[in-house]
Amino acid sequence: IKSSFPSVHVHVDSWGGQQSQPLLAKNATMLQYIDGWTYHRIGADSTMQIEQQKEFLQGAAGKPVYNNEFEYLDGKTSPYRCINTAQSLMNWFVFEQSPTWFWLHALKPTYNSESEGYGLGLWRPWDDNNTDHYPQIKKGYWDYIGPNWNALVGFLRYMPWDVVRVEVTEPSGAIRTEQRILAYLRPNDKKLVIVITNRNETASYDFIIKIPQLISSSTIFSGHLFQSNVTDKALGDLHLVVDDKYNNGNDDGGAEED
């Protein structure tokens, strides 16, 4: 296969990566044909990528690791799961340094019980005559599943394929699981993008981010909000606040809690 199609990407093994294929991981002859290790971490808590970072990276032989299937098997979704999905993608990129991340099912039929947990959208087949559920979807048409689609659409719109992740130093011993951050530079327009989340459904959270060496204090950010029922709400211009308390080089890192 590699001889005929040199650019083909060969990944192993779509469930447990190198952990479930230790013989391949230790075989130098086979390793030359493997381009990456893939995992199915279906509907997993995004904290897994933080707490089990060592397990995902151990034995990878320098090959990238990434998730290539995600959905919620119980067929349910929620505002909490919306943010969990976004954080899963973010945490794979940050803690496993993954080059990509995959949801699986684009559309699922309106009469399948698992559809809301599996799809990014729902479509109504011609033999579905039950308009009591999803009455807004006509036969042969489809609609988004908000909590699933809104978790990912921001990355599709604002994260080109060739972005470069920027390391964010979090306060020592204080990596947060309910509030996450991802930063990257877009090579095409040199813009810095910062993604922040709050999975806590009962309390707000203030991020204080120190970025003196990347951009000037006069830089204006354009804000975009995504929630389970909100798709890319414009927040207007967001101005940086320069505060010597967080800009004197004496703090523990690049992102601090308020």
C-alpha atoms as a PDB file:
ATOM      1  CA  ILE A   1       0.000   0.000   0.000  1.00  0.00           C
ATOM      2  CA  LYS A   2       2.737   2.468   0.922  1.00  0.00           C
ATOM      3  CA  SER A   3       4.580   1.726  -2.317  1.00  0.00           C
ATOM      4  CA  SER A   4       1.505   2.397  -4.439  1.00  0.00           C
ATOM      5  CA  PHE A   5       0.181   5.336  -2.405  1.00  0.00           C
ATOM      6  CA  PRO A   6       3.099   6.967  -0.528  1.00  0.00           C
ATOM      7  CA  SER A   7       0.914   9.729   0.916  1.00  0.00           C
ATOM      8  CA  VAL A   8      -1.663   7.380   2.448  1.00  0.00           C
ATOM      9  CA  HIS A   9      -2.043   7.705   6.235  1.00  0.00           C
ATOM     10  CA  VAL A  10      -1.961   4.361   8.054  1.00  0.00           C
ATOM     11  CA  HIS A  11      -3.253   4.415  11.623  1.00  0.00           C
ATOM     12  CA  VAL A  12      -3.628   1.688  14.244  1.00  0.00           C
ATOM     13  CA  ASP A  13      -6.006   0.448  15.526  1.00  0.00           C
ATOM     14  CA  SER A  14      -9.103   2.609  16.013  1.00  0.00           C
ATOM     15  CA  TRP A  15      -9.730   1.488  19.566  1.00  0.00           C
ATOM     16  CA  GLY A  16      -6.762   1.446  21.898  1.00  0.00           C
ATOM     17  CA  GLY A  17      -3.878   2.633  19.743  1.00  0.00           C
ATOM     18  CA  GLN A  18      -0.442   1.346  20.679  1.00  0.00           C
ATOM     19  CA  GLN A  19      -1.763   0.145  24.042  1.00  0.00           C
ATOM     20  CA  SER A  20      -3.869  -2.560  22.396  1.00  0.00           C
ATOM     21  CA  GLN A  21      -1.194  -3.373  19.799  1.00  0.00           C
ATOM     22  CA  PRO A  22       2.027  -3.701  21.841  1.00  0.00           C
ATOM     23  CA  LEU A  23       3.607  -6.153  19.396  1.00  0.00           C
ATOM     24  CA  LEU A  24       3.281  -3.669  16.540  1.00  0.00           C
ATOM     25  CA  ALA A  25       4.577  -0.854  18.730  1.00  0.00           C
ATOM     26  CA  LYS A  26       7.734  -2.846  19.435  1.00  0.00           C
ATOM     27  CA  ASN A  27       8.294  -4.111  15.879  1.00  0.00           C
ATOM     28  CA  ALA A  28      10.719  -1.795  14.078  1.00  0.00           C
ATOM     29  CA  THR A  29       9.794  -3.219  10.677  1.00  0.00           C
ATOM     30  CA  MET A  30       6.095  -2.596  11.183  1.00  0.00           C
ATOM     31  CA  LEU A  31       6.595   0.799  12.794  1.00  0.00           C
ATOM     32  CA  GLN A  32       7.987   2.267   9.588  1.00  0.00           C
ATOM     33  CA  TYR A  33       4.554   1.796   7.979  1.00  0.00           C
ATOM     34  CA  ILE A  34       2.515   3.237  10.863  1.00  0.00           C
ATOM     35  CA  ASP A  35       1.767   6.962  10.766  1.00  0.00           C
ATOM     36  CA  GLY A  36      -0.324   7.289  13.913  1.00  0.00           C
ATOM     37  CA  TRP A  37      -2.153   5.584  16.759  1.00  0.00           C
ATOM     38  CA  THR A  38      -5.916   6.020  17.029  1.00  0.00           C
ATOM     39  CA  TYR A  39      -8.309   5.668  19.940  1.00  0.00           C
ATOM     40  CA  HIS A  40     -12.057   5.407  20.343  1.00  0.00           C
ATOM     41  CA  ARG A  41     -12.790   7.372  23.486  1.00  0.00           C
ATOM     42  CA  ILE A  42     -16.503   7.471  22.911  1.00  0.00           C
ATOM     43  CA  GLY A  43     -18.270  10.140  24.974  1.00  0.00           C
ATOM     44  CA  ALA A  44     -15.439  10.116  27.510  1.00  0.00           C
ATOM     45  CA  ASP A  45     -15.065  12.804  30.145  1.00  0.00           C
ATOM     46  CA  SER A  46     -12.599  15.337  28.769  1.00  0.00           C
ATOM     47  CA  THR A  47     -10.635  15.093  32.007  1.00  0.00           C
ATOM     48  CA  MET A  48      -9.368  11.699  30.819  1.00  0.00           C
ATOM     49  CA  GLN A  49      -6.882  13.403  28.503  1.00  0.00           C
ATOM     50  CA  ILE A  50      -5.375  15.240  31.460  1.00  0.00           C
ATOM     51  CA  GLU A  51      -5.310  12.469  34.030  1.00  0.00           C
ATOM     52  CA  GLN A  52      -4.224   9.684  31.645  1.00  0.00           C
ATOM     53  CA  GLN A  53      -1.805  11.669  29.493  1.00  0.00           C
ATOM     54  CA  LYS A  54       1.092   9.339  30.295  1.00  0.00           C
ATOM     55  CA  GLU A  55      -0.853   6.238  29.245  1.00  0.00           C
ATOM     56  CA  PHE A  56      -1.847   7.745  25.899  1.00  0.00           C
ATOM     57  CA  LEU A  57       1.702   8.800  25.038  1.00  0.00           C
ATOM     58  CA  GLN A  58       3.642   5.859  26.435  1.00  0.00           C
ATOM     59  CA  GLY A  59       5.016   3.534  23.785  1.00  0.00           C
ATOM     60  CA  ALA A  60       3.934   5.715  20.857  1.00  0.00           C
ATOM     61  CA  ALA A  61       7.462   5.622  19.366  1.00  0.00           C
ATOM     62  CA  GLY A  62       7.196   9.258  18.348  1.00  0.00           C
ATOM     63  CA  LYS A  63       4.020   8.684  16.338  1.00  0.00           C
ATOM     64  CA  PRO A  64       1.019  11.005  16.866  1.00  0.00           C
ATOM     65  CA  VAL A  65      -1.969   9.768  18.863  1.00  0.00           C
ATOM     66  CA  TYR A  66      -5.516  11.007  18.336  1.00  0.00           C
ATOM     67  CA  ASN A  67      -9.198  10.245  18.838  1.00  0.00           C
ATOM     68  CA  ASN A  68     -11.014   9.066  15.701  1.00  0.00           C
ATOM     69  CA  GLU A  69     -14.502   8.385  17.042  1.00  0.00           C
ATOM     70  CA  PHE A  70     -16.691  10.346  19.427  1.00  0.00           C
ATOM     71  CA  GLU A  71     -20.383  10.193  20.253  1.00  0.00           C
ATOM     72  CA  TYR A  72     -22.628   9.483  23.255  1.00  0.00           C
ATOM     73  CA  LEU A  73     -23.834   5.893  23.191  1.00  0.00           C
ATOM     74  CA  ASP A  74     -26.883   6.442  25.385  1.00  0.00           C
ATOM     75  CA  GLY A  75     -28.374   8.641  22.668  1.00  0.00           C
ATOM     76  CA  LYS A  76     -28.572  11.718  24.857  1.00  0.00           C
ATOM     77  CA  THR A  77     -26.959  15.102  24.804  1.00  0.00           C
ATOM     78  CA  SER A  78     -27.043  18.181  27.029  1.00  0.00           C
ATOM     79  CA  PRO A  79     -25.468  21.610  27.604  1.00  0.00           C
ATOM     80  CA  TYR A  80     -22.865  19.926  29.827  1.00  0.00           C
ATOM     81  CA  ARG A  81     -21.987  17.429  27.122  1.00  0.00           C
ATOM     82  CA  CYS A  82     -21.739  20.234  24.582  1.00  0.00           C
ATOM     83  CA  ILE A  83     -18.852  21.753  26.536  1.00  0.00           C
ATOM     84  CA  ASN A  84     -17.415  18.318  27.310  1.00  0.00           C
ATOM     85  CA  THR A  85     -17.172  17.610  23.586  1.00  0.00           C
ATOM     86  CA  ALA A  86     -15.369  20.895  22.930  1.00  0.00           C
ATOM     87  CA  GLN A  87     -13.014  20.223  25.822  1.00  0.00           C
ATOM     88  CA  SER A  88     -12.291  16.723  24.553  1.00  0.00           C
ATOM     89  CA  LEU A  89     -10.983  18.159  21.301  1.00  0.00           C
ATOM     90  CA  MET A  90      -9.034  20.852  23.138  1.00  0.00           C
ATOM     91  CA  ASN A  91      -7.482  18.458  25.634  1.00  0.00           C
ATOM     92  CA  TRP A  92      -6.395  15.970  22.972  1.00  0.00           C
ATOM     93  CA  PHE A  93      -4.618  18.841  21.201  1.00  0.00           C
ATOM     94  CA  VAL A  94      -3.004  20.184  24.382  1.00  0.00           C
ATOM     95  CA  PHE A  95      -2.118  17.133  26.473  1.00  0.00           C
ATOM     96  CA  GLU A  96      -1.632  14.470  23.784  1.00  0.00           C
ATOM     97  CA  GLN A  97      -0.438  16.975  21.148  1.00  0.00           C
ATOM     98  CA  SER A  98      -2.803  15.389  18.637  1.00  0.00           C
ATOM     99  CA  PRO A  99      -2.767  16.712  15.060  1.00  0.00           C
ATOM    100  CA  THR A 100      -6.501  16.102  14.549  1.00  0.00           C
ATOM    101  CA  TRP A 101      -9.712  14.914  16.247  1.00  0.00           C
ATOM    102  CA  PHE A 102     -12.778  13.149  14.859  1.00  0.00           C
ATOM    103  CA  TRP A 103     -16.455  13.067  15.661  1.00  0.00           C
ATOM    104  CA  LEU A 104     -17.974  10.183  13.672  1.00  0.00           C
ATOM    105  CA  HIS A 105     -21.566  10.454  12.425  1.00  0.00           C
ATOM    106  CA  ALA A 106     -22.583  13.511  10.438  1.00  0.00           C
ATOM    107  CA  LEU A 107     -26.323  12.798  10.198  1.00  0.00           C
ATOM    108  CA  LYS A 108     -28.579  10.231  11.850  1.00  0.00           C
ATOM    109  CA  PRO A 109     -32.218   9.423  10.976  1.00  0.00           C
ATOM    110  CA  THR A 110     -35.041  11.019  12.948  1.00  0.00           C
ATOM    111  CA  TYR A 111     -36.530   7.706  14.026  1.00  0.00           C
ATOM    112  CA  ASN A 112     -33.397   6.131  15.541  1.00  0.00           C
ATOM    113  CA  SER A 113     -33.354   6.160  19.348  1.00  0.00           C
ATOM    114  CA  GLU A 114     -29.614   6.853  19.547  1.00  0.00           C
ATOM    115  CA  SER A 115     -29.540   9.674  17.008  1.00  0.00           C
ATOM    116  CA  GLU A 116     -29.275  12.703  19.299  1.00  0.00           C
ATOM    117  CA  GLY A 117     -26.157  11.321  20.976  1.00  0.00           C
ATOM    118  CA  TYR A 118     -24.548  10.170  17.754  1.00  0.00           C
ATOM    119  CA  GLY A 119     -25.089  12.804  15.088  1.00  0.00           C
ATOM    120  CA  LEU A 120     -24.170  16.373  14.348  1.00  0.00           C
ATOM    121  CA  GLY A 121     -27.577  16.595  12.690  1.00  0.00           C
ATOM    122  CA  LEU A 122     -30.834  14.724  12.065  1.00  0.00           C
ATOM    123  CA  TRP A 123     -32.392  13.868   8.699  1.00  0.00           C
ATOM    124  CA  ARG A 124     -35.936  12.651   8.066  1.00  0.00           C
ATOM    125  CA  PRO A 125     -36.185   9.602   5.785  1.00  0.00           C
ATOM    126  CA  TRP A 126     -39.095   9.326   3.367  1.00  0.00           C
ATOM    127  CA  ASP A 127     -40.641   6.513   5.435  1.00  0.00           C
ATOM    128  CA  ASP A 128     -40.748   8.528   8.687  1.00  0.00           C
ATOM    129  CA  ASN A 129     -44.327   9.773   9.009  1.00  0.00           C
ATOM    130  CA  ASN A 130     -44.166  10.615  12.721  1.00  0.00           C
ATOM    131  CA  THR A 131     -44.106  14.392  12.830  1.00  0.00           C
ATOM    132  CA  ASP A 132     -44.621  14.482  16.596  1.00  0.00           C
ATOM    133  CA  HIS A 133     -40.857  14.395  16.929  1.00  0.00           C
ATOM    134  CA  TYR A 134     -38.725  17.019  15.169  1.00  0.00           C
ATOM    135  CA  PRO A 135     -41.702  18.595  13.392  1.00  0.00           C
ATOM    136  CA  GLN A 136     -39.421  21.248  11.867  1.00  0.00           C
ATOM    137  CA  ILE A 137     -37.673  18.636   9.709  1.00  0.00           C
ATOM    138  CA  LYS A 138     -39.472  17.768   6.481  1.00  0.00           C
ATOM    139  CA  LYS A 139     -38.957  14.510   4.638  1.00  0.00           C
ATOM    140  CA  GLY A 140     -35.673  14.577   2.768  1.00  0.00           C
ATOM    141  CA  TYR A 141     -34.369  17.481   4.873  1.00  0.00           C
ATOM    142  CA  TRP A 142     -32.130  17.744   7.900  1.00  0.00           C
ATOM    143  CA  ASP A 143     -31.366  19.999  10.860  1.00  0.00           C
ATOM    144  CA  TYR A 144     -28.490  20.455  13.300  1.00  0.00           C
ATOM    145  CA  ILE A 145     -28.343  18.857  16.746  1.00  0.00           C
ATOM    146  CA  GLY A 146     -27.411  22.003  18.634  1.00  0.00           C
ATOM    147  CA  PRO A 147     -25.384  20.651  21.578  1.00  0.00           C
ATOM    148  CA  ASN A 148     -23.236  18.477  19.305  1.00  0.00           C
ATOM    149  CA  TRP A 149     -22.836  20.843  16.364  1.00  0.00           C
ATOM    150  CA  ASN A 150     -22.195  23.948  18.464  1.00  0.00           C
ATOM    151  CA  ALA A 151     -19.437  22.145  20.348  1.00  0.00           C
ATOM    152  CA  LEU A 152     -17.420  21.828  17.141  1.00  0.00           C
ATOM    153  CA  VAL A 153     -18.520  24.423  14.599  1.00  0.00           C
ATOM    154  CA  GLY A 154     -16.318  27.141  16.119  1.00  0.00           C
ATOM    155  CA  PHE A 155     -13.233  25.058  15.407  1.00  0.00           C
ATOM    156  CA  LEU A 156     -14.422  24.376  11.865  1.00  0.00           C
ATOM    157  CA  ARG A 157     -14.909  28.084  11.208  1.00  0.00           C
ATOM    158  CA  TYR A 158     -11.920  29.594  12.983  1.00  0.00           C
ATOM    159  CA  MET A 159      -9.245  26.880  13.075  1.00  0.00           C
ATOM    160  CA  PRO A 160      -7.631  26.286   9.652  1.00  0.00           C
ATOM    161  CA  TRP A 161      -5.770  23.032   9.081  1.00  0.00           C
ATOM    162  CA  ASP A 162      -2.329  24.602   9.369  1.00  0.00           C
ATOM    163  CA  VAL A 163      -2.622  26.426  12.709  1.00  0.00           C
ATOM    164  CA  VAL A 164       0.233  26.283  15.191  1.00  0.00           C
ATOM    165  CA  ARG A 165      -0.695  25.662  18.818  1.00  0.00           C
ATOM    166  CA  VAL A 166       0.709  28.119  21.342  1.00  0.00           C
ATOM    167  CA  GLU A 167       1.769  26.676  24.676  1.00  0.00           C
ATOM    168  CA  VAL A 168      -0.184  28.070  27.617  1.00  0.00           C
ATOM    169  CA  THR A 169       1.525  27.742  30.977  1.00  0.00           C
ATOM    170  CA  GLU A 170      -1.089  27.166  33.639  1.00  0.00           C
ATOM    171  CA  PRO A 171      -0.401  27.874  37.334  1.00  0.00           C
ATOM    172  CA  SER A 172       1.659  25.126  38.915  1.00  0.00           C
ATOM    173  CA  GLY A 173      -0.543  22.420  40.404  1.00  0.00           C
ATOM    174  CA  ALA A 174      -3.711  24.160  39.261  1.00  0.00           C
ATOM    175  CA  ILE A 175      -4.678  22.636  35.927  1.00  0.00           C
ATOM    176  CA  ARG A 176      -8.429  23.036  35.875  1.00  0.00           C
ATOM    177  CA  THR A 177     -10.757  20.369  34.532  1.00  0.00           C
ATOM    178  CA  GLU A 178     -13.973  22.392  34.305  1.00  0.00           C
ATOM    179  CA  GLN A 179     -12.399  25.445  32.666  1.00  0.00           C
ATOM    180  CA  ARG A 180     -10.015  24.846  29.788  1.00  0.00           C
ATOM    181  CA  ILE A 181      -7.938  26.972  27.438  1.00  0.00           C
ATOM    182  CA  LEU A 182      -6.443  26.426  23.990  1.00  0.00           C
ATOM    183  CA  ALA A 183      -4.441  28.988  22.027  1.00  0.00           C
ATOM    184  CA  TYR A 184      -3.119  28.893  18.492  1.00  0.00           C
ATOM    185  CA  LEU A 185      -1.731  31.108  15.733  1.00  0.00           C
ATOM    186  CA  ARG A 186      -3.247  31.143  12.256  1.00  0.00           C
ATOM    187  CA  PRO A 187      -0.366  31.276   9.749  1.00  0.00           C
ATOM    188  CA  ASN A 188      -2.466  32.803   6.980  1.00  0.00           C
ATOM    189  CA  ASP A 189      -3.347  36.021   8.821  1.00  0.00           C
ATOM    190  CA  LYS A 190      -0.996  35.797  11.857  1.00  0.00           C
ATOM    191  CA  LYS A 191      -3.939  36.107  14.243  1.00  0.00           C
ATOM    192  CA  LEU A 192      -3.826  34.691  17.744  1.00  0.00           C
ATOM    193  CA  VAL A 193      -6.944  32.731  18.694  1.00  0.00           C
ATOM    194  CA  ILE A 194      -7.775  31.857  22.299  1.00  0.00           C
ATOM    195  CA  VAL A 195     -10.479  29.308  23.087  1.00  0.00           C
ATOM    196  CA  ILE A 196     -11.827  29.184  26.644  1.00  0.00           C
ATOM    197  CA  THR A 197     -14.549  27.023  28.149  1.00  0.00           C
ATOM    198  CA  ASN A 198     -16.487  26.701  31.380  1.00  0.00           C
ATOM    199  CA  ARG A 199     -18.121  23.311  31.931  1.00  0.00           C
ATOM    200  CA  ASN A 200     -19.386  24.290  35.375  1.00  0.00           C
ATOM    201  CA  GLU A 201     -23.134  24.793  34.981  1.00  0.00           C
ATOM    202  CA  THR A 202     -23.639  26.670  38.253  1.00  0.00           C
ATOM    203  CA  ALA A 203     -20.761  29.157  38.474  1.00  0.00           C
ATOM    204  CA  SER A 204     -19.118  31.655  36.156  1.00  0.00           C
ATOM    205  CA  TYR A 205     -15.363  31.936  35.836  1.00  0.00           C
ATOM    206  CA  ASP A 206     -12.923  34.736  35.005  1.00  0.00           C
ATOM    207  CA  PHE A 207      -9.818  33.983  32.939  1.00  0.00           C
ATOM    208  CA  ILE A 208      -6.754  36.201  33.347  1.00  0.00           C
ATOM    209  CA  ILE A 209      -4.314  35.526  30.518  1.00  0.00           C
ATOM    210  CA  LYS A 210      -0.830  36.978  30.222  1.00  0.00           C
ATOM    211  CA  ILE A 211       0.257  37.332  26.583  1.00  0.00           C
ATOM    212  CA  PRO A 212       2.807  40.188  26.487  1.00  0.00           C
ATOM    213  CA  GLN A 213       5.239  38.647  23.994  1.00  0.00           C
ATOM    214  CA  LEU A 214       2.808  37.626  21.266  1.00  0.00           C
ATOM    215  CA  ILE A 215       0.734  40.715  20.602  1.00  0.00           C
ATOM    216  CA  SER A 216       0.657  44.400  21.521  1.00  0.00           C
ATOM    217  CA  SER A 217      -1.543  45.847  24.244  1.00  0.00           C
ATOM    218  CA  SER A 218      -3.501  47.718  21.573  1.00  0.00           C
ATOM    219  CA  THR A 219      -4.684  44.492  19.946  1.00  0.00           C
ATOM    220  CA  ILE A 220      -8.456  44.074  19.731  1.00  0.00           C
ATOM    221  CA  PHE A 221      -9.970  40.602  19.841  1.00  0.00           C
ATOM    222  CA  SER A 222     -13.233  39.671  18.151  1.00  0.00           C
ATOM    223  CA  GLY A 223     -15.371  37.573  20.497  1.00  0.00           C
ATOM    224  CA  HIS A 224     -17.558  34.614  19.497  1.00  0.00           C
ATOM    225  CA  LEU A 225     -19.850  32.642  21.799  1.00  0.00           C
ATOM    226  CA  PHE A 226     -20.936  29.022  21.346  1.00  0.00           C
ATOM    227  CA  GLN A 227     -23.326  27.208  23.663  1.00  0.00           C
ATOM    228  CA  SER A 228     -25.620  24.209  23.294  1.00  0.00           C
ATOM    229  CA  ASN A 229     -28.318  26.471  21.850  1.00  0.00           C
ATOM    230  CA  VAL A 230     -26.116  29.325  20.594  1.00  0.00           C
ATOM    231  CA  THR A 231     -24.206  29.227  17.303  1.00  0.00           C
ATOM    232  CA  ASP A 232     -21.489  31.837  16.889  1.00  0.00           C
ATOM    233  CA  LYS A 233     -22.995  34.799  18.700  1.00  0.00           C
ATOM    234  CA  ALA A 234     -20.875  37.884  18.042  1.00  0.00           C
ATOM    235  CA  LEU A 235     -19.581  39.443  21.262  1.00  0.00           C
ATOM    236  CA  GLY A 236     -18.099  42.486  19.581  1.00  0.00           C
ATOM    237  CA  ASP A 237     -14.632  43.873  20.197  1.00  0.00           C
ATOM    238  CA  LEU A 238     -12.752  42.653  23.246  1.00  0.00           C
ATOM    239  CA  HIS A 239      -9.965  44.960  24.418  1.00  0.00           C
ATOM    240  CA  LEU A 240      -6.919  43.883  26.389  1.00  0.00           C
ATOM    241  CA  VAL A 241      -6.527  45.252  29.900  1.00  0.00           C
ATOM    242  CA  VAL A 242      -2.929  45.910  30.885  1.00  0.00           C
ATOM    243  CA  ASP A 243      -2.430  45.356  34.606  1.00  0.00           C
ATOM    244  CA  ASP A 244       1.034  45.406  36.169  1.00  0.00           C
ATOM    245  CA  LYS A 245      -0.177  42.911  38.767  1.00  0.00           C
ATOM    246  CA  TYR A 246      -0.245  40.249  36.054  1.00  0.00           C
ATOM    247  CA  ASN A 247       2.415  41.676  33.772  1.00  0.00           C
ATOM    248  CA  ASN A 248       5.482  42.025  35.976  1.00  0.00           C
ATOM    249  CA  GLY A 249       7.001  38.608  35.393  1.00  0.00           C
ATOM    250  CA  ASN A 250       6.459  37.459  38.971  1.00  0.00           C
ATOM    251  CA  ASP A 251       3.465  35.221  38.436  1.00  0.00           C
ATOM    252  CA  ASP A 252       3.494  31.450  38.000  1.00  0.00           C
ATOM    253  CA  GLY A 253       2.428  31.220  34.401  1.00  0.00           C
ATOM    254  CA  GLY A 254       0.513  32.435  31.428  1.00  0.00           C
ATOM    255  CA  ALA A 255      -3.029  31.791  32.609  1.00  0.00           C
ATOM    256  CA  GLU A 256      -4.252  32.602  36.079  1.00  0.00           C
ATOM    257  CA  GLU A 257      -7.528  32.331  37.883  1.00  0.00           C
ATOM    258  CA  ASP A 258      -9.230  35.391  39.300  1.00  0.00           C
END
